Amino acid sequence: MSTWIRAVERLRRERRPGVLVTVTDVRGHAPRDAGAKMVVAADETWGSVGGGNLEETAVARARALLESGGTAPGTMTMSLSDKARTEHGRQCCGGEVTLLLEPLPVVPAVAIFGMGHVGVELARILSRHDIELHLVDSRADRVAAERLAVLGDGPATVHAHHAPVPELVLGQVPAGTHVLVLTHDHAEDFAVCDAALRCAHLGSIGLIGSAAKWARFRRGLLLEGHPEAEVDRIRTPIGRPGGKEPATIALSVAAEMVEAFATERVSR
């Protein structure tokens, strides 16, 4: 496996942003041919697009892109001439090289607590997006491999968790994870909400249910000592008014999540 492929996989696994730099065009003599690739992170690089001033300039441009949080690909063209002004030494190959810089952002993460009818439908939709998806249930059969096989052909990275104490999984999900609470048991729902409010690393928290359910939960969470402003971080009901069919609810909740992903990209 190529070095750059392993680097991309490592950054995704470690949830670190990077930039993939590719030689797309070469005119005249150059140190690498079209197709050469390099991966740049904030403090590491893998692979090479030719070394010297070309590579140093590409790394600097890639890290500026990382710092700015840009998500749109960009190109740069450099002349490898002793007459070209450079910041990192001269390369006199005599050619010209065009590079493509493609950001490799950290993908969103979502944890669905409760893999009942709505949870499965929601997972089915979200698995069609490039995200990290954690699926949690206290019932082993609800996260069995054969039941979740329908999620395997999407781009999402899916993690199934059979957890008799579901809220413990909150400590395993990455920073910024959006939490959706829709278990089969209101006691489990409450325990997950309570634990989620105690975790500083999470993103949004959404709860399925009626106004009456939330009124009970809100009183209970306040009694547990959570500040009112923290309790009101929980968004409920999730989804938009519409039908009560599992697929309809799931579609509505997924639409809210996709909007949240877009907002995150803009705010970075």
C-alpha atoms as a PDB file:
ATOM      1  CA  MET A   1       0.000   0.000   0.000  1.00  0.00           C
ATOM      2  CA  SER A   2       1.308   3.463  -0.893  1.00  0.00           C
ATOM      3  CA  THR A   3       2.664   5.706   1.832  1.00  0.00           C
ATOM      4  CA  TRP A   4       0.147   8.441   1.069  1.00  0.00           C
ATOM      5  CA  ILE A   5      -2.805   6.026   1.311  1.00  0.00           C
ATOM      6  CA  ARG A   6      -1.634   4.849   4.724  1.00  0.00           C
ATOM      7  CA  ALA A   7      -1.211   8.492   5.764  1.00  0.00           C
ATOM      8  CA  VAL A   8      -4.749   9.398   4.710  1.00  0.00           C
ATOM      9  CA  GLU A   9      -6.117   6.401   6.611  1.00  0.00           C
ATOM     10  CA  ARG A  10      -4.072   7.314   9.684  1.00  0.00           C
ATOM     11  CA  LEU A  11      -5.294  10.919   9.709  1.00  0.00           C
ATOM     12  CA  ARG A  12      -8.882   9.763   9.360  1.00  0.00           C
ATOM     13  CA  ARG A  13      -8.448   7.207  12.138  1.00  0.00           C
ATOM     14  CA  GLU A  14      -6.823   9.769  14.441  1.00  0.00           C
ATOM     15  CA  ARG A  15      -9.348  12.450  13.413  1.00  0.00           C
ATOM     16  CA  ARG A  16      -6.673  14.909  12.323  1.00  0.00           C
ATOM     17  CA  PRO A  17      -7.065  17.199   9.304  1.00  0.00           C
ATOM     18  CA  GLY A  18      -4.601  17.109   6.434  1.00  0.00           C
ATOM     19  CA  VAL A  19      -4.050  18.064   2.814  1.00  0.00           C
ATOM     20  CA  LEU A  20      -3.401  15.707  -0.098  1.00  0.00           C
ATOM     21  CA  VAL A  21      -0.951  17.278  -2.554  1.00  0.00           C
ATOM     22  CA  THR A  22      -0.802  15.767  -6.064  1.00  0.00           C
ATOM     23  CA  VAL A  23       1.389  16.590  -9.059  1.00  0.00           C
ATOM     24  CA  THR A  24      -1.226  17.028 -11.777  1.00  0.00           C
ATOM     25  CA  ASP A  25       0.847  18.419 -14.651  1.00  0.00           C
ATOM     26  CA  VAL A  26       4.518  18.619 -15.603  1.00  0.00           C
ATOM     27  CA  ARG A  27       5.998  20.665 -18.416  1.00  0.00           C
ATOM     28  CA  GLY A  28       9.651  20.085 -19.198  1.00  0.00           C
ATOM     29  CA  HIS A  29      11.985  18.578 -16.624  1.00  0.00           C
ATOM     30  CA  ALA A  30      10.794  18.059 -13.035  1.00  0.00           C
ATOM     31  CA  PRO A  31      11.869  15.900 -10.066  1.00  0.00           C
ATOM     32  CA  ARG A  32       8.603  13.897 -10.022  1.00  0.00           C
ATOM     33  CA  ASP A  33       6.103  12.840 -12.655  1.00  0.00           C
ATOM     34  CA  ALA A  34       2.399  13.634 -12.708  1.00  0.00           C
ATOM     35  CA  GLY A  35       0.585  11.511 -10.144  1.00  0.00           C
ATOM     36  CA  ALA A  36       3.189  11.853  -7.383  1.00  0.00           C
ATOM     37  CA  LYS A  37       1.493  12.526  -4.049  1.00  0.00           C
ATOM     38  CA  MET A  38       2.267  13.858  -0.599  1.00  0.00           C
ATOM     39  CA  VAL A  39       0.110  14.183   2.518  1.00  0.00           C
ATOM     40  CA  VAL A  40       0.610  17.171   4.794  1.00  0.00           C
ATOM     41  CA  ALA A  41      -0.578  17.465   8.392  1.00  0.00           C
ATOM     42  CA  ALA A  42       0.086  20.256  10.874  1.00  0.00           C
ATOM     43  CA  ASP A  43       3.271  18.609  12.134  1.00  0.00           C
ATOM     44  CA  GLU A  44       4.066  15.743   9.735  1.00  0.00           C
ATOM     45  CA  THR A  45       4.349  14.935   6.039  1.00  0.00           C
ATOM     46  CA  TRP A  46       4.289  11.664   4.106  1.00  0.00           C
ATOM     47  CA  GLY A  47       5.418  11.014   0.560  1.00  0.00           C
ATOM     48  CA  SER A  48       7.052  13.538  -1.768  1.00  0.00           C
ATOM     49  CA  VAL A  49       6.223  15.722  -4.751  1.00  0.00           C
ATOM     50  CA  GLY A  50       9.832  16.506  -5.567  1.00  0.00           C
ATOM     51  CA  GLY A  51      11.685  17.944  -2.598  1.00  0.00           C
ATOM     52  CA  GLY A  52      13.465  21.287  -2.481  1.00  0.00           C
ATOM     53  CA  ASN A  53      11.719  24.603  -2.937  1.00  0.00           C
ATOM     54  CA  LEU A  54       8.780  22.967  -4.737  1.00  0.00           C
ATOM     55  CA  GLU A  55       7.968  20.723  -1.820  1.00  0.00           C
ATOM     56  CA  GLU A  56       8.668  23.287   0.899  1.00  0.00           C
ATOM     57  CA  THR A  57       6.386  25.776  -0.795  1.00  0.00           C
ATOM     58  CA  ALA A  58       3.676  23.129  -1.189  1.00  0.00           C
ATOM     59  CA  VAL A  59       3.934  22.227   2.505  1.00  0.00           C
ATOM     60  CA  ALA A  60       3.696  25.883   3.515  1.00  0.00           C
ATOM     61  CA  ARG A  61       0.658  26.397   1.284  1.00  0.00           C
ATOM     62  CA  ALA A  62      -0.985  23.226   2.612  1.00  0.00           C
ATOM     63  CA  ARG A  63      -0.455  24.260   6.232  1.00  0.00           C
ATOM     64  CA  ALA A  64      -1.849  27.713   5.525  1.00  0.00           C
ATOM     65  CA  LEU A  65      -4.914  25.945   4.129  1.00  0.00           C
ATOM     66  CA  LEU A  66      -5.151  23.855   7.289  1.00  0.00           C
ATOM     67  CA  GLU A  67      -4.836  26.901   9.513  1.00  0.00           C
ATOM     68  CA  SER A  68      -7.555  28.756   7.643  1.00  0.00           C
ATOM     69  CA  GLY A  69      -9.901  25.764   7.787  1.00  0.00           C
ATOM     70  CA  GLY A  70     -10.461  25.898   4.032  1.00  0.00           C
ATOM     71  CA  THR A  71     -12.319  22.994   2.478  1.00  0.00           C
ATOM     72  CA  ALA A  72     -12.157  23.853  -1.231  1.00  0.00           C
ATOM     73  CA  PRO A  73      -9.374  22.297  -3.351  1.00  0.00           C
ATOM     74  CA  GLY A  74      -6.837  24.647  -4.894  1.00  0.00           C
ATOM     75  CA  THR A  75      -3.976  24.551  -7.387  1.00  0.00           C
ATOM     76  CA  MET A  76      -0.551  26.114  -7.565  1.00  0.00           C
ATOM     77  CA  THR A  77       1.953  26.240 -10.421  1.00  0.00           C
ATOM     78  CA  MET A  78       5.690  26.641  -9.886  1.00  0.00           C
ATOM     79  CA  SER A  79       8.517  27.271 -12.305  1.00  0.00           C
ATOM     80  CA  LEU A  80      11.659  25.271 -11.551  1.00  0.00           C
ATOM     81  CA  SER A  81      14.089  27.839 -12.871  1.00  0.00           C
ATOM     82  CA  ASP A  82      17.130  29.528 -11.398  1.00  0.00           C
ATOM     83  CA  LYS A  83      15.483  32.795 -12.408  1.00  0.00           C
ATOM     84  CA  ALA A  84      12.322  32.137 -10.382  1.00  0.00           C
ATOM     85  CA  ARG A  85      12.078  33.816  -7.001  1.00  0.00           C
ATOM     86  CA  THR A  86      11.875  31.289  -4.179  1.00  0.00           C
ATOM     87  CA  GLU A  87      11.639  31.156  -0.401  1.00  0.00           C
ATOM     88  CA  HIS A  88      13.283  27.776   0.142  1.00  0.00           C
ATOM     89  CA  GLY A  89      16.242  27.611  -2.245  1.00  0.00           C
ATOM     90  CA  ARG A  90      16.387  27.202  -6.017  1.00  0.00           C
ATOM     91  CA  GLN A  91      15.598  24.278  -8.296  1.00  0.00           C
ATOM     92  CA  CYS A  92      17.016  24.497 -11.806  1.00  0.00           C
ATOM     93  CA  CYS A  93      15.293  21.563 -13.494  1.00  0.00           C
ATOM     94  CA  GLY A  94      13.935  23.961 -16.069  1.00  0.00           C
ATOM     95  CA  GLY A  95      10.359  22.686 -16.008  1.00  0.00           C
ATOM     96  CA  GLU A  96       7.045  23.764 -14.557  1.00  0.00           C
ATOM     97  CA  VAL A  97       4.906  21.809 -12.128  1.00  0.00           C
ATOM     98  CA  THR A  98       1.227  22.189 -11.234  1.00  0.00           C
ATOM     99  CA  LEU A  99       0.001  20.847  -7.909  1.00  0.00           C
ATOM    100  CA  LEU A 100      -3.508  20.114  -6.667  1.00  0.00           C
ATOM    101  CA  LEU A 101      -4.106  20.669  -2.941  1.00  0.00           C
ATOM    102  CA  GLU A 102      -7.128  18.774  -1.583  1.00  0.00           C
ATOM    103  CA  PRO A 103      -8.161  19.323   2.060  1.00  0.00           C
ATOM    104  CA  LEU A 104      -8.775  16.178   4.106  1.00  0.00           C
ATOM    105  CA  PRO A 105     -11.113  17.479   6.820  1.00  0.00           C
ATOM    106  CA  VAL A 106     -12.058  15.653   9.994  1.00  0.00           C
ATOM    107  CA  VAL A 107     -15.407  14.052   9.205  1.00  0.00           C
ATOM    108  CA  PRO A 108     -18.439  14.647  11.446  1.00  0.00           C
ATOM    109  CA  ALA A 109     -19.290  12.068  14.105  1.00  0.00           C
ATOM    110  CA  VAL A 110     -22.748  10.974  15.244  1.00  0.00           C
ATOM    111  CA  ALA A 111     -23.721   8.568  18.022  1.00  0.00           C
ATOM    112  CA  ILE A 112     -27.220   7.069  17.876  1.00  0.00           C
ATOM    113  CA  PHE A 113     -28.365   5.604  21.186  1.00  0.00           C
ATOM    114  CA  GLY A 114     -31.149   3.136  20.453  1.00  0.00           C
ATOM    115  CA  MET A 115     -31.265   0.952  17.373  1.00  0.00           C
ATOM    116  CA  GLY A 116     -34.978   0.325  17.222  1.00  0.00           C
ATOM    117  CA  HIS A 117     -37.113   1.050  14.175  1.00  0.00           C
ATOM    118  CA  VAL A 118     -36.285   4.769  14.040  1.00  0.00           C
ATOM    119  CA  GLY A 119     -32.629   4.228  14.924  1.00  0.00           C
ATOM    120  CA  VAL A 120     -32.075   1.745  12.101  1.00  0.00           C
ATOM    121  CA  GLU A 121     -33.785   3.976   9.552  1.00  0.00           C
ATOM    122  CA  LEU A 122     -31.742   6.955  10.756  1.00  0.00           C
ATOM    123  CA  ALA A 123     -28.509   4.956  10.595  1.00  0.00           C
ATOM    124  CA  ARG A 124     -29.419   3.809   7.079  1.00  0.00           C
ATOM    125  CA  ILE A 125     -29.694   7.427   5.879  1.00  0.00           C
ATOM    126  CA  LEU A 126     -26.670   8.784   7.743  1.00  0.00           C
ATOM    127  CA  SER A 127     -24.472   5.899   6.585  1.00  0.00           C
ATOM    128  CA  ARG A 128     -24.750   7.359   3.071  1.00  0.00           C
ATOM    129  CA  HIS A 129     -22.690  10.337   4.249  1.00  0.00           C
ATOM    130  CA  ASP A 130     -18.952  10.503   4.899  1.00  0.00           C
ATOM    131  CA  ILE A 131     -19.137  10.482   8.691  1.00  0.00           C
ATOM    132  CA  GLU A 132     -18.122   8.421  11.706  1.00  0.00           C
ATOM    133  CA  LEU A 133     -21.250   6.685  12.961  1.00  0.00           C
ATOM    134  CA  HIS A 134     -21.530   5.072  16.403  1.00  0.00           C
ATOM    135  CA  LEU A 135     -24.579   2.831  16.946  1.00  0.00           C
ATOM    136  CA  VAL A 136     -25.356   1.937  20.557  1.00  0.00           C
ATOM    137  CA  ASP A 137     -27.903  -0.384  22.132  1.00  0.00           C
ATOM    138  CA  SER A 138     -28.192  -2.354  25.360  1.00  0.00           C
ATOM    139  CA  ARG A 139     -29.777  -5.209  23.394  1.00  0.00           C
ATOM    140  CA  ALA A 140     -27.209  -7.331  21.572  1.00  0.00           C
ATOM    141  CA  ASP A 141     -29.534  -8.384  18.749  1.00  0.00           C
ATOM    142  CA  ARG A 142     -30.182  -4.749  17.763  1.00  0.00           C
ATOM    143  CA  VAL A 143     -26.524  -4.185  16.847  1.00  0.00           C
ATOM    144  CA  ALA A 144     -25.824  -7.652  15.451  1.00  0.00           C
ATOM    145  CA  ALA A 145     -23.751  -7.703  12.278  1.00  0.00           C
ATOM    146  CA  GLU A 146     -26.506  -9.236  10.153  1.00  0.00           C
ATOM    147  CA  ARG A 147     -28.974  -6.523  11.188  1.00  0.00           C
ATOM    148  CA  LEU A 148     -26.542  -3.730  10.332  1.00  0.00           C
ATOM    149  CA  ALA A 149     -25.337  -5.302   7.081  1.00  0.00           C
ATOM    150  CA  VAL A 150     -27.491  -2.844   5.102  1.00  0.00           C
ATOM    151  CA  LEU A 151     -25.170  -0.057   6.228  1.00  0.00           C
ATOM    152  CA  GLY A 152     -22.050  -1.582   4.737  1.00  0.00           C
ATOM    153  CA  ASP A 153     -22.237  -0.097   1.251  1.00  0.00           C
ATOM    154  CA  GLY A 154     -22.182   3.562   2.359  1.00  0.00           C
ATOM    155  CA  PRO A 155     -19.094   5.738   2.910  1.00  0.00           C
ATOM    156  CA  ALA A 156     -19.644   6.104   6.672  1.00  0.00           C
ATOM    157  CA  THR A 157     -17.303   4.399   9.120  1.00  0.00           C
ATOM    158  CA  VAL A 158     -19.709   2.438  11.321  1.00  0.00           C
ATOM    159  CA  HIS A 159     -18.976   1.351  14.902  1.00  0.00           C
ATOM    160  CA  ALA A 160     -21.516  -0.918  16.592  1.00  0.00           C
ATOM    161  CA  HIS A 161     -21.610  -0.962  20.407  1.00  0.00           C
ATOM    162  CA  HIS A 162     -23.514  -3.524  22.442  1.00  0.00           C
ATOM    163  CA  ALA A 163     -23.518  -1.771  25.815  1.00  0.00           C
ATOM    164  CA  PRO A 164     -25.614  -2.973  28.769  1.00  0.00           C
ATOM    165  CA  VAL A 165     -24.883   0.465  30.261  1.00  0.00           C
ATOM    166  CA  PRO A 166     -25.192   2.590  27.103  1.00  0.00           C
ATOM    167  CA  GLU A 167     -24.042   5.884  28.596  1.00  0.00           C
ATOM    168  CA  LEU A 168     -20.554   4.442  29.119  1.00  0.00           C
ATOM    169  CA  VAL A 169     -20.034   4.594  25.348  1.00  0.00           C
ATOM    170  CA  LEU A 170     -20.016   8.397  25.587  1.00  0.00           C
ATOM    171  CA  GLY A 171     -16.458   8.147  26.863  1.00  0.00           C
ATOM    172  CA  GLN A 172     -15.417   6.297  23.699  1.00  0.00           C
ATOM    173  CA  VAL A 173     -16.761   8.655  21.044  1.00  0.00           C
ATOM    174  CA  PRO A 174     -14.555  11.424  19.597  1.00  0.00           C
ATOM    175  CA  ALA A 175     -14.685  15.103  20.450  1.00  0.00           C
ATOM    176  CA  GLY A 176     -17.537  16.977  18.829  1.00  0.00           C
ATOM    177  CA  THR A 177     -19.768  13.919  18.399  1.00  0.00           C
ATOM    178  CA  HIS A 178     -23.455  14.713  17.912  1.00  0.00           C
ATOM    179  CA  VAL A 179     -25.516  12.553  20.274  1.00  0.00           C
ATOM    180  CA  LEU A 180     -29.020  11.379  19.372  1.00  0.00           C
ATOM    181  CA  VAL A 181     -30.980   9.675  22.148  1.00  0.00           C
ATOM    182  CA  LEU A 182     -33.845   7.387  21.090  1.00  0.00           C
ATOM    183  CA  THR A 183     -33.618   4.167  23.086  1.00  0.00           C
ATOM    184  CA  HIS A 184     -36.492   1.804  23.821  1.00  0.00           C
ATOM    185  CA  ASP A 185     -36.437   2.716  27.523  1.00  0.00           C
ATOM    186  CA  HIS A 186     -37.084   6.171  28.998  1.00  0.00           C
ATOM    187  CA  ALA A 187     -34.821   5.302  31.938  1.00  0.00           C
ATOM    188  CA  GLU A 188     -31.987   4.646  29.486  1.00  0.00           C
ATOM    189  CA  ASP A 189     -32.795   7.869  27.650  1.00  0.00           C
ATOM    190  CA  PHE A 190     -32.565   9.819  30.899  1.00  0.00           C
ATOM    191  CA  ALA A 191     -29.284   8.150  31.911  1.00  0.00           C
ATOM    192  CA  VAL A 192     -27.710   8.970  28.534  1.00  0.00           C
ATOM    193  CA  CYS A 193     -28.900  12.592  28.700  1.00  0.00           C
ATOM    194  CA  ASP A 194     -27.584  12.940  32.258  1.00  0.00           C
ATOM    195  CA  ALA A 195     -24.192  11.471  31.309  1.00  0.00           C
ATOM    196  CA  ALA A 196     -23.978  13.497  28.091  1.00  0.00           C
ATOM    197  CA  LEU A 197     -24.387  16.748  30.025  1.00  0.00           C
ATOM    198  CA  ARG A 198     -21.424  15.699  32.171  1.00  0.00           C
ATOM    199  CA  CYS A 199     -19.173  15.191  29.116  1.00  0.00           C
ATOM    200  CA  ALA A 200     -17.370  18.317  27.960  1.00  0.00           C
ATOM    201  CA  HIS A 201     -16.177  16.805  24.670  1.00  0.00           C
ATOM    202  CA  LEU A 202     -19.527  16.266  22.954  1.00  0.00           C
ATOM    203  CA  GLY A 203     -21.279  18.285  20.275  1.00  0.00           C
ATOM    204  CA  SER A 204     -25.056  18.664  20.177  1.00  0.00           C
ATOM    205  CA  ILE A 205     -27.442  16.458  22.146  1.00  0.00           C
ATOM    206  CA  GLY A 206     -30.846  15.547  20.713  1.00  0.00           C
ATOM    207  CA  LEU A 207     -33.668  13.622  22.372  1.00  0.00           C
ATOM    208  CA  ILE A 208     -36.703  11.999  20.772  1.00  0.00           C
ATOM    209  CA  GLY A 209     -40.028  12.309  22.561  1.00  0.00           C
ATOM    210  CA  SER A 210     -43.046  14.356  23.507  1.00  0.00           C
ATOM    211  CA  ALA A 211     -43.333  17.631  25.392  1.00  0.00           C
ATOM    212  CA  ALA A 212     -44.570  15.701  28.446  1.00  0.00           C
ATOM    213  CA  LYS A 213     -41.511  13.428  28.365  1.00  0.00           C
ATOM    214  CA  TRP A 214     -39.182  16.401  28.141  1.00  0.00           C
ATOM    215  CA  ALA A 215     -40.927  18.186  31.026  1.00  0.00           C
ATOM    216  CA  ARG A 216     -40.249  15.159  33.242  1.00  0.00           C
ATOM    217  CA  PHE A 217     -36.677  14.835  32.012  1.00  0.00           C
ATOM    218  CA  ARG A 218     -35.968  18.542  32.471  1.00  0.00           C
ATOM    219  CA  ARG A 219     -37.162  18.468  36.100  1.00  0.00           C
ATOM    220  CA  GLY A 220     -35.095  15.370  36.752  1.00  0.00           C
ATOM    221  CA  LEU A 221     -31.928  16.773  35.181  1.00  0.00           C
ATOM    222  CA  LEU A 222     -32.262  19.953  37.228  1.00  0.00           C
ATOM    223  CA  LEU A 223     -32.644  17.830  40.357  1.00  0.00           C
ATOM    224  CA  GLU A 224     -29.427  16.017  39.368  1.00  0.00           C
ATOM    225  CA  GLY A 225     -27.671  19.366  39.706  1.00  0.00           C
ATOM    226  CA  HIS A 226     -27.263  20.390  36.067  1.00  0.00           C
ATOM    227  CA  PRO A 227     -27.448  24.163  35.521  1.00  0.00           C
ATOM    228  CA  GLU A 228     -30.551  25.277  33.660  1.00  0.00           C
ATOM    229  CA  ALA A 229     -28.513  26.582  30.713  1.00  0.00           C
ATOM    230  CA  GLU A 230     -26.807  23.189  30.359  1.00  0.00           C
ATOM    231  CA  VAL A 231     -30.080  21.265  30.496  1.00  0.00           C
ATOM    232  CA  ASP A 232     -31.467  23.489  27.755  1.00  0.00           C
ATOM    233  CA  ARG A 233     -28.616  22.403  25.482  1.00  0.00           C
ATOM    234  CA  ILE A 234     -30.630  19.260  24.860  1.00  0.00           C
ATOM    235  CA  ARG A 235     -32.648  19.704  21.688  1.00  0.00           C
ATOM    236  CA  THR A 236     -36.062  18.080  21.790  1.00  0.00           C
ATOM    237  CA  PRO A 237     -38.074  16.969  20.011  1.00  0.00           C
ATOM    238  CA  ILE A 238     -35.624  16.092  17.275  1.00  0.00           C
ATOM    239  CA  GLY A 239     -36.850  16.220  13.721  1.00  0.00           C
ATOM    240  CA  ARG A 240     -39.591  18.357  12.258  1.00  0.00           C
ATOM    241  CA  PRO A 241     -43.374  18.045  12.514  1.00  0.00           C
ATOM    242  CA  GLY A 242     -44.668  15.373  10.173  1.00  0.00           C
ATOM    243  CA  GLY A 243     -45.700  11.746  10.137  1.00  0.00           C
ATOM    244  CA  LYS A 244     -44.997   9.237  12.902  1.00  0.00           C
ATOM    245  CA  GLU A 245     -43.655   6.477  10.672  1.00  0.00           C
ATOM    246  CA  PRO A 246     -40.078   5.497  11.597  1.00  0.00           C
ATOM    247  CA  ALA A 247     -38.742   6.305   8.125  1.00  0.00           C
ATOM    248  CA  THR A 248     -40.422   9.720   8.164  1.00  0.00           C
ATOM    249  CA  ILE A 249     -39.019  10.611  11.582  1.00  0.00           C
ATOM    250  CA  ALA A 250     -35.571   9.354  10.578  1.00  0.00           C
ATOM    251  CA  LEU A 251     -35.560  11.400   7.382  1.00  0.00           C
ATOM    252  CA  SER A 252     -36.452  14.529   9.323  1.00  0.00           C
ATOM    253  CA  VAL A 253     -33.761  13.982  11.967  1.00  0.00           C
ATOM    254  CA  ALA A 254     -31.157  13.172   9.317  1.00  0.00           C
ATOM    255  CA  ALA A 255     -31.966  16.427   7.517  1.00  0.00           C
ATOM    256  CA  GLU A 256     -31.241  18.334  10.740  1.00  0.00           C
ATOM    257  CA  MET A 257     -27.943  16.511  11.116  1.00  0.00           C
ATOM    258  CA  VAL A 258     -26.844  17.275   7.553  1.00  0.00           C
ATOM    259  CA  GLU A 259     -27.610  20.947   8.190  1.00  0.00           C
ATOM    260  CA  ALA A 260     -25.488  20.776  11.347  1.00  0.00           C
ATOM    261  CA  PHE A 261     -22.592  19.275   9.379  1.00  0.00           C
ATOM    262  CA  ALA A 262     -22.789  22.135   6.883  1.00  0.00           C
ATOM    263  CA  THR A 263     -22.798  24.719   9.685  1.00  0.00           C
ATOM    264  CA  GLU A 264     -19.722  23.090  11.228  1.00  0.00           C
ATOM    265  CA  ARG A 265     -17.843  23.278   7.922  1.00  0.00           C
ATOM    266  CA  VAL A 266     -18.611  26.989   7.574  1.00  0.00           C
ATOM    267  CA  SER A 267     -17.657  27.824  11.163  1.00  0.00           C
ATOM    268  CA  ARG A 268     -14.276  26.081  11.064  1.00  0.00           C
END
